[in-house]
Amino acid sequence: MESFVPAADEVWRLQRGGDEECLFFQRAVNGGKVITDNRTRQGIYVMSPSGKTLARVNSLDAEK
């Protein structure tokens, strides 16, 4: 896949920050809303360039 770009980032900043990158992440993983609670969104996300979440896993279960 020539158009697939893997990326990793530190989730604490993404969950709590207010810059455009953080707000993009928050809306993408929180149903279009900015994160206002302290629960973690650490996980694996597959997203389209437009920000649509295509697949995700956020679980303590290693089998998932």
PDB file of N, CA and C in Angstrom:
ATOM      1  N   MET A   1       0.831  -1.182   0.000  1.00  0.00           N
ATOM      2  CA  MET A   1       0.000   0.000   0.000  1.00  0.00           C
ATOM      3  C   MET A   1       0.873   1.241   0.000  1.00  0.00           C
ATOM      4  N   GLU A   2       0.921   1.912  -1.071  1.00  0.00           N
ATOM      5  CA  GLU A   2       1.751   3.105  -1.165  1.00  0.00           C
ATOM      6  C   GLU A   2       1.187   4.287  -0.392  1.00  0.00           C
ATOM      7  N   SER A   3      -0.108   4.295  -0.144  1.00  0.00           N
ATOM      8  CA  SER A   3      -0.704   5.458   0.508  1.00  0.00           C
ATOM      9  C   SER A   3      -0.916   5.274   2.009  1.00  0.00           C
ATOM     10  N   PHE A   4      -0.479   4.156   2.574  1.00  0.00           N
ATOM     11  CA  PHE A   4      -0.620   3.915   4.004  1.00  0.00           C
ATOM     12  C   PHE A   4       0.551   4.551   4.745  1.00  0.00           C
ATOM     13  N   VAL A   5       0.255   5.337   5.763  1.00  0.00           N
ATOM     14  CA  VAL A   5       1.299   6.012   6.534  1.00  0.00           C
ATOM     15  C   VAL A   5       1.104   5.678   8.007  1.00  0.00           C
ATOM     16  N   PRO A   6       1.956   4.803   8.568  1.00  0.00           N
ATOM     17  CA  PRO A   6       1.842   4.522  10.005  1.00  0.00           C
ATOM     18  C   PRO A   6       2.392   5.699  10.808  1.00  0.00           C
ATOM     19  N   ALA A   7       1.791   5.937  11.949  1.00  0.00           N
ATOM     20  CA  ALA A   7       2.248   7.028  12.802  1.00  0.00           C
ATOM     21  C   ALA A   7       2.021   6.652  14.257  1.00  0.00           C
ATOM     22  N   ALA A   8       2.833   7.202  15.136  1.00  0.00           N
ATOM     23  CA  ALA A   8       2.680   6.982  16.578  1.00  0.00           C
ATOM     24  C   ALA A   8       2.883   8.318  17.281  1.00  0.00           C
ATOM     25  N   ASP A   9       2.184   8.470  18.377  1.00  0.00           N
ATOM     26  CA  ASP A   9       2.336   9.701  19.150  1.00  0.00           C
ATOM     27  C   ASP A   9       2.064   9.382  20.609  1.00  0.00           C
ATOM     28  N   GLU A  10       2.453  10.268  21.467  1.00  0.00           N
ATOM     29  CA  GLU A  10       2.256  10.117  22.900  1.00  0.00           C
ATOM     30  C   GLU A  10       0.842  10.587  23.221  1.00  0.00           C
ATOM     31  N   VAL A  11       0.014   9.702  23.784  1.00  0.00           N
ATOM     32  CA  VAL A  11      -1.415   9.967  23.914  1.00  0.00           C
ATOM     33  C   VAL A  11      -1.756  11.001  24.988  1.00  0.00           C
ATOM     34  N   TRP A  12      -0.945  11.164  26.013  1.00  0.00           N
ATOM     35  CA  TRP A  12      -1.279  12.117  27.078  1.00  0.00           C
ATOM     36  C   TRP A  12      -1.472  13.516  26.494  1.00  0.00           C
ATOM     37  N   ARG A  13      -0.525  13.954  25.670  1.00  0.00           N
ATOM     38  CA  ARG A  13      -0.613  15.276  25.050  1.00  0.00           C
ATOM     39  C   ARG A  13      -1.820  15.371  24.127  1.00  0.00           C
ATOM     40  N   LEU A  14      -2.051  14.350  23.328  1.00  0.00           N
ATOM     41  CA  LEU A  14      -3.167  14.382  22.388  1.00  0.00           C
ATOM     42  C   LEU A  14      -4.511  14.458  23.095  1.00  0.00           C
ATOM     43  N   GLN A  15      -4.633  13.805  24.232  1.00  0.00           N
ATOM     44  CA  GLN A  15      -5.897  13.793  24.974  1.00  0.00           C
ATOM     45  C   GLN A  15      -6.180  15.113  25.672  1.00  0.00           C
ATOM     46  N   ARG A  16      -5.152  15.856  26.022  1.00  0.00           N
ATOM     47  CA  ARG A  16      -5.337  17.033  26.873  1.00  0.00           C
ATOM     48  C   ARG A  16      -4.994  18.363  26.213  1.00  0.00           C
ATOM     49  N   GLY A  17      -4.286  18.321  25.100  1.00  0.00           N
ATOM     50  CA  GLY A  17      -3.844  19.552  24.461  1.00  0.00           C
ATOM     51  C   GLY A  17      -4.959  20.287  23.739  1.00  0.00           C
ATOM     52  N   GLY A  18      -4.682  21.516  23.372  1.00  0.00           N
ATOM     53  CA  GLY A  18      -5.671  22.337  22.712  1.00  0.00           C
ATOM     54  C   GLY A  18      -5.295  22.783  21.317  1.00  0.00           C
ATOM     55  N   ASP A  19      -4.126  22.305  20.801  1.00  0.00           N
ATOM     56  CA  ASP A  19      -3.748  22.695  19.449  1.00  0.00           C
ATOM     57  C   ASP A  19      -4.528  21.862  18.432  1.00  0.00           C
ATOM     58  N   GLU A  20      -4.419  22.212  17.162  1.00  0.00           N
ATOM     59  CA  GLU A  20      -5.225  21.563  16.120  1.00  0.00           C
ATOM     60  C   GLU A  20      -4.994  20.054  16.042  1.00  0.00           C
ATOM     61  N   GLU A  21      -3.741  19.613  16.206  1.00  0.00           N
ATOM     62  CA  GLU A  21      -3.451  18.180  16.157  1.00  0.00           C
ATOM     63  C   GLU A  21      -4.167  17.446  17.286  1.00  0.00           C
ATOM     64  N   CYS A  22      -4.129  18.009  18.481  1.00  0.00           N
ATOM     65  CA  CYS A  22      -4.785  17.392  19.633  1.00  0.00           C
ATOM     66  C   CYS A  22      -6.298  17.375  19.457  1.00  0.00           C
ATOM     67  N   LEU A  23      -6.865  18.484  19.000  1.00  0.00           N
ATOM     68  CA  LEU A  23      -8.313  18.550  18.804  1.00  0.00           C
ATOM     69  C   LEU A  23      -8.771  17.586  17.713  1.00  0.00           C
ATOM     70  N   PHE A  24      -7.971  17.408  16.662  1.00  0.00           N
ATOM     71  CA  PHE A  24      -8.274  16.430  15.615  1.00  0.00           C
ATOM     72  C   PHE A  24      -8.358  15.037  16.227  1.00  0.00           C
ATOM     73  N   PHE A  25      -7.349  14.659  17.013  1.00  0.00           N
ATOM     74  CA  PHE A  25      -7.335  13.349  17.664  1.00  0.00           C
ATOM     75  C   PHE A  25      -8.542  13.186  18.582  1.00  0.00           C
ATOM     76  N   GLN A  26      -8.781  14.169  19.419  1.00  0.00           N
ATOM     77  CA  GLN A  26      -9.876  14.082  20.387  1.00  0.00           C
ATOM     78  C   GLN A  26     -11.218  13.877  19.698  1.00  0.00           C
ATOM     79  N   ARG A  27     -11.477  14.640  18.676  1.00  0.00           N
ATOM     80  CA  ARG A  27     -12.755  14.504  17.961  1.00  0.00           C
ATOM     81  C   ARG A  27     -12.845  13.167  17.235  1.00  0.00           C
ATOM     82  N   ALA A  28     -11.728  12.704  16.687  1.00  0.00           N
ATOM     83  CA  ALA A  28     -11.723  11.450  15.939  1.00  0.00           C
ATOM     84  C   ALA A  28     -11.982  10.240  16.830  1.00  0.00           C
ATOM     85  N   VAL A  29     -11.504  10.270  18.062  1.00  0.00           N
ATOM     86  CA  VAL A  29     -11.630   9.098  18.938  1.00  0.00           C
ATOM     87  C   VAL A  29     -12.728   9.248  19.984  1.00  0.00           C
ATOM     88  N   ASN A  30     -13.400  10.395  20.006  1.00  0.00           N
ATOM     89  CA  ASN A  30     -14.392  10.652  21.050  1.00  0.00           C
ATOM     90  C   ASN A  30     -15.742  11.082  20.454  1.00  0.00           C
ATOM     91  N   GLY A  31     -16.105  10.465  19.339  1.00  0.00           N
ATOM     92  CA  GLY A  31     -17.415  10.725  18.759  1.00  0.00           C
ATOM     93  C   GLY A  31     -17.641  12.148  18.304  1.00  0.00           C
ATOM     94  N   GLY A  32     -16.589  12.814  17.832  1.00  0.00           N
ATOM     95  CA  GLY A  32     -16.719  14.167  17.326  1.00  0.00           C
ATOM     96  C   GLY A  32     -16.639  15.252  18.380  1.00  0.00           C
ATOM     97  N   LYS A  33     -16.417  14.857  19.625  1.00  0.00           N
ATOM     98  CA  LYS A  33     -16.378  15.822  20.725  1.00  0.00           C
ATOM     99  C   LYS A  33     -14.976  15.918  21.314  1.00  0.00           C
ATOM    100  N   VAL A  34     -14.677  17.079  21.877  1.00  0.00           N
ATOM    101  CA  VAL A  34     -13.417  17.270  22.581  1.00  0.00           C
ATOM    102  C   VAL A  34     -13.461  16.457  23.876  1.00  0.00           C
ATOM    103  N   ILE A  35     -12.351  15.850  24.259  1.00  0.00           N
ATOM    104  CA  ILE A  35     -12.280  15.033  25.469  1.00  0.00           C
ATOM    105  C   ILE A  35     -12.314  15.935  26.702  1.00  0.00           C
ATOM    106  N   THR A  36     -13.220  15.646  27.617  1.00  0.00           N
ATOM    107  CA  THR A  36     -13.327  16.438  28.851  1.00  0.00           C
ATOM    108  C   THR A  36     -13.154  15.588  30.106  1.00  0.00           C
ATOM    109  N   ASP A  37     -13.010  14.275  29.974  1.00  0.00           N
ATOM    110  CA  ASP A  37     -12.819  13.418  31.142  1.00  0.00           C
ATOM    111  C   ASP A  37     -11.366  12.963  31.222  1.00  0.00           C
ATOM    112  N   ASN A  38     -11.036  12.176  32.222  1.00  0.00           N
ATOM    113  CA  ASN A  38      -9.655  11.720  32.422  1.00  0.00           C
ATOM    114  C   ASN A  38      -9.410  10.286  31.962  1.00  0.00           C
ATOM    115  N   ARG A  39     -10.375   9.660  31.308  1.00  0.00           N
ATOM    116  CA  ARG A  39     -10.165   8.292  30.816  1.00  0.00           C
ATOM    117  C   ARG A  39      -9.188   8.312  29.647  1.00  0.00           C
ATOM    118  N   THR A  40      -8.402   7.266  29.545  1.00  0.00           N
ATOM    119  CA  THR A  40      -7.412   7.206  28.472  1.00  0.00           C
ATOM    120  C   THR A  40      -8.055   6.798  27.149  1.00  0.00           C
ATOM    121  N   ARG A  41      -7.510   7.299  26.088  1.00  0.00           N
ATOM    122  CA  ARG A  41      -7.907   6.891  24.739  1.00  0.00           C
ATOM    123  C   ARG A  41      -6.724   6.186  24.062  1.00  0.00           C
ATOM    124  N   GLN A  42      -5.789   5.706  24.886  1.00  0.00           N
ATOM    125  CA  GLN A  42      -4.635   4.996  24.348  1.00  0.00           C
ATOM    126  C   GLN A  42      -5.142   3.767  23.617  1.00  0.00           C
ATOM    127  N   GLY A  43      -4.663   3.556  22.412  1.00  0.00           N
ATOM    128  CA  GLY A  43      -5.113   2.413  21.635  1.00  0.00           C
ATOM    129  C   GLY A  43      -4.520   2.439  20.243  1.00  0.00           C
ATOM    130  N   ILE A  44      -5.144   1.680  19.374  1.00  0.00           N
ATOM    131  CA  ILE A  44      -4.731   1.612  17.973  1.00  0.00           C
ATOM    132  C   ILE A  44      -5.909   2.107  17.143  1.00  0.00           C
ATOM    133  N   TYR A  45      -5.649   3.059  16.267  1.00  0.00           N
ATOM    134  CA  TYR A  45      -6.689   3.657  15.439  1.00  0.00           C
ATOM    135  C   TYR A  45      -6.266   3.615  13.982  1.00  0.00           C
ATOM    136  N   VAL A  46      -7.200   3.277  13.103  1.00  0.00           N
ATOM    137  CA  VAL A  46      -6.982   3.344  11.667  1.00  0.00           C
ATOM    138  C   VAL A  46      -7.933   4.423  11.164  1.00  0.00           C
ATOM    139  N   MET A  47      -7.344   5.457  10.562  1.00  0.00           N
ATOM    140  CA  MET A  47      -8.143   6.612  10.175  1.00  0.00           C
ATOM    141  C   MET A  47      -7.902   6.989   8.722  1.00  0.00           C
ATOM    142  N   SER A  48      -8.927   7.530   8.111  1.00  0.00           N
ATOM    143  CA  SER A  48      -8.791   8.052   6.752  1.00  0.00           C
ATOM    144  C   SER A  48      -8.152   9.439   6.830  1.00  0.00           C
ATOM    145  N   PRO A  49      -7.637   9.948   5.708  1.00  0.00           N
ATOM    146  CA  PRO A  49      -7.059  11.294   5.708  1.00  0.00           C
ATOM    147  C   PRO A  49      -8.052  12.372   6.144  1.00  0.00           C
ATOM    148  N   SER A  50      -9.337  12.133   5.937  1.00  0.00           N
ATOM    149  CA  SER A  50     -10.344  13.124   6.328  1.00  0.00           C
ATOM    150  C   SER A  50     -10.643  13.097   7.823  1.00  0.00           C
ATOM    151  N   GLY A  51     -10.132  12.075   8.524  1.00  0.00           N
ATOM    152  CA  GLY A  51     -10.354  11.974   9.959  1.00  0.00           C
ATOM    153  C   GLY A  51     -11.392  10.952  10.360  1.00  0.00           C
ATOM    154  N   LYS A  52     -11.992  10.267   9.398  1.00  0.00           N
ATOM    155  CA  LYS A  52     -12.966   9.227   9.713  1.00  0.00           C
ATOM    156  C   LYS A  52     -12.248   8.039  10.350  1.00  0.00           C
ATOM    157  N   THR A  53     -12.755   7.582  11.484  1.00  0.00           N
ATOM    158  CA  THR A  53     -12.174   6.415  12.144  1.00  0.00           C
ATOM    159  C   THR A  53     -12.699   5.163  11.448  1.00  0.00           C
ATOM    160  N   LEU A  54     -11.784   4.371  10.873  1.00  0.00           N
ATOM    161  CA  LEU A  54     -12.154   3.175  10.133  1.00  0.00           C
ATOM    162  C   LEU A  54     -12.139   1.940  11.026  1.00  0.00           C
ATOM    163  N   ALA A  55     -11.237   1.915  11.984  1.00  0.00           N
ATOM    164  CA  ALA A  55     -11.132   0.796  12.931  1.00  0.00           C
ATOM    165  C   ALA A  55     -10.408   1.299  14.167  1.00  0.00           C
ATOM    166  N   ARG A  56     -10.699   0.659  15.306  1.00  0.00           N
ATOM    167  CA  ARG A  56     -10.038   1.073  16.543  1.00  0.00           C
ATOM    168  C   ARG A  56     -10.088  -0.052  17.552  1.00  0.00           C
ATOM    169  N   VAL A  57      -9.121  -0.037  18.456  1.00  0.00           N
ATOM    170  CA  VAL A  57      -9.138  -0.928  19.604  1.00  0.00           C
ATOM    171  C   VAL A  57      -8.539  -0.146  20.770  1.00  0.00           C
ATOM    172  N   ASN A  58      -9.257  -0.153  21.871  1.00  0.00           N
ATOM    173  CA  ASN A  58      -8.843   0.524  23.089  1.00  0.00           C
ATOM    174  C   ASN A  58      -9.255  -0.427  24.212  1.00  0.00           C
ATOM    175  N   SER A  59      -8.364  -1.354  24.552  1.00  0.00           N
ATOM    176  CA  SER A  59      -8.732  -2.412  25.483  1.00  0.00           C
ATOM    177  C   SER A  59      -7.528  -2.889  26.284  1.00  0.00           C
ATOM    178  N   LEU A  60      -7.784  -3.329  27.499  1.00  0.00           N
ATOM    179  CA  LEU A  60      -6.736  -3.956  28.296  1.00  0.00           C
ATOM    180  C   LEU A  60      -6.600  -5.440  27.972  1.00  0.00           C
ATOM    181  N   ASP A  61      -7.495  -5.969  27.145  1.00  0.00           N
ATOM    182  CA  ASP A  61      -7.492  -7.374  26.753  1.00  0.00           C
ATOM    183  C   ASP A  61      -6.484  -7.585  25.617  1.00  0.00           C
ATOM    184  N   ALA A  62      -5.389  -8.270  25.898  1.00  0.00           N
ATOM    185  CA  ALA A  62      -4.323  -8.471  24.924  1.00  0.00           C
ATOM    186  C   ALA A  62      -4.796  -9.241  23.688  1.00  0.00           C
ATOM    187  N   GLU A  63      -5.807 -10.074  23.821  1.00  0.00           N
ATOM    188  CA  GLU A  63      -6.309 -10.851  22.689  1.00  0.00           C
ATOM    189  C   GLU A  63      -6.940  -9.951  21.624  1.00  0.00           C
ATOM    190  N   LYS A  64      -7.523  -8.850  22.034  1.00  0.00           N
ATOM    191  CA  LYS A  64      -8.132  -7.943  21.061  1.00  0.00           C
ATOM    192  C   LYS A  64      -7.068  -7.305  20.214  1.00  0.00           C
TER     193      LYS A  64
END
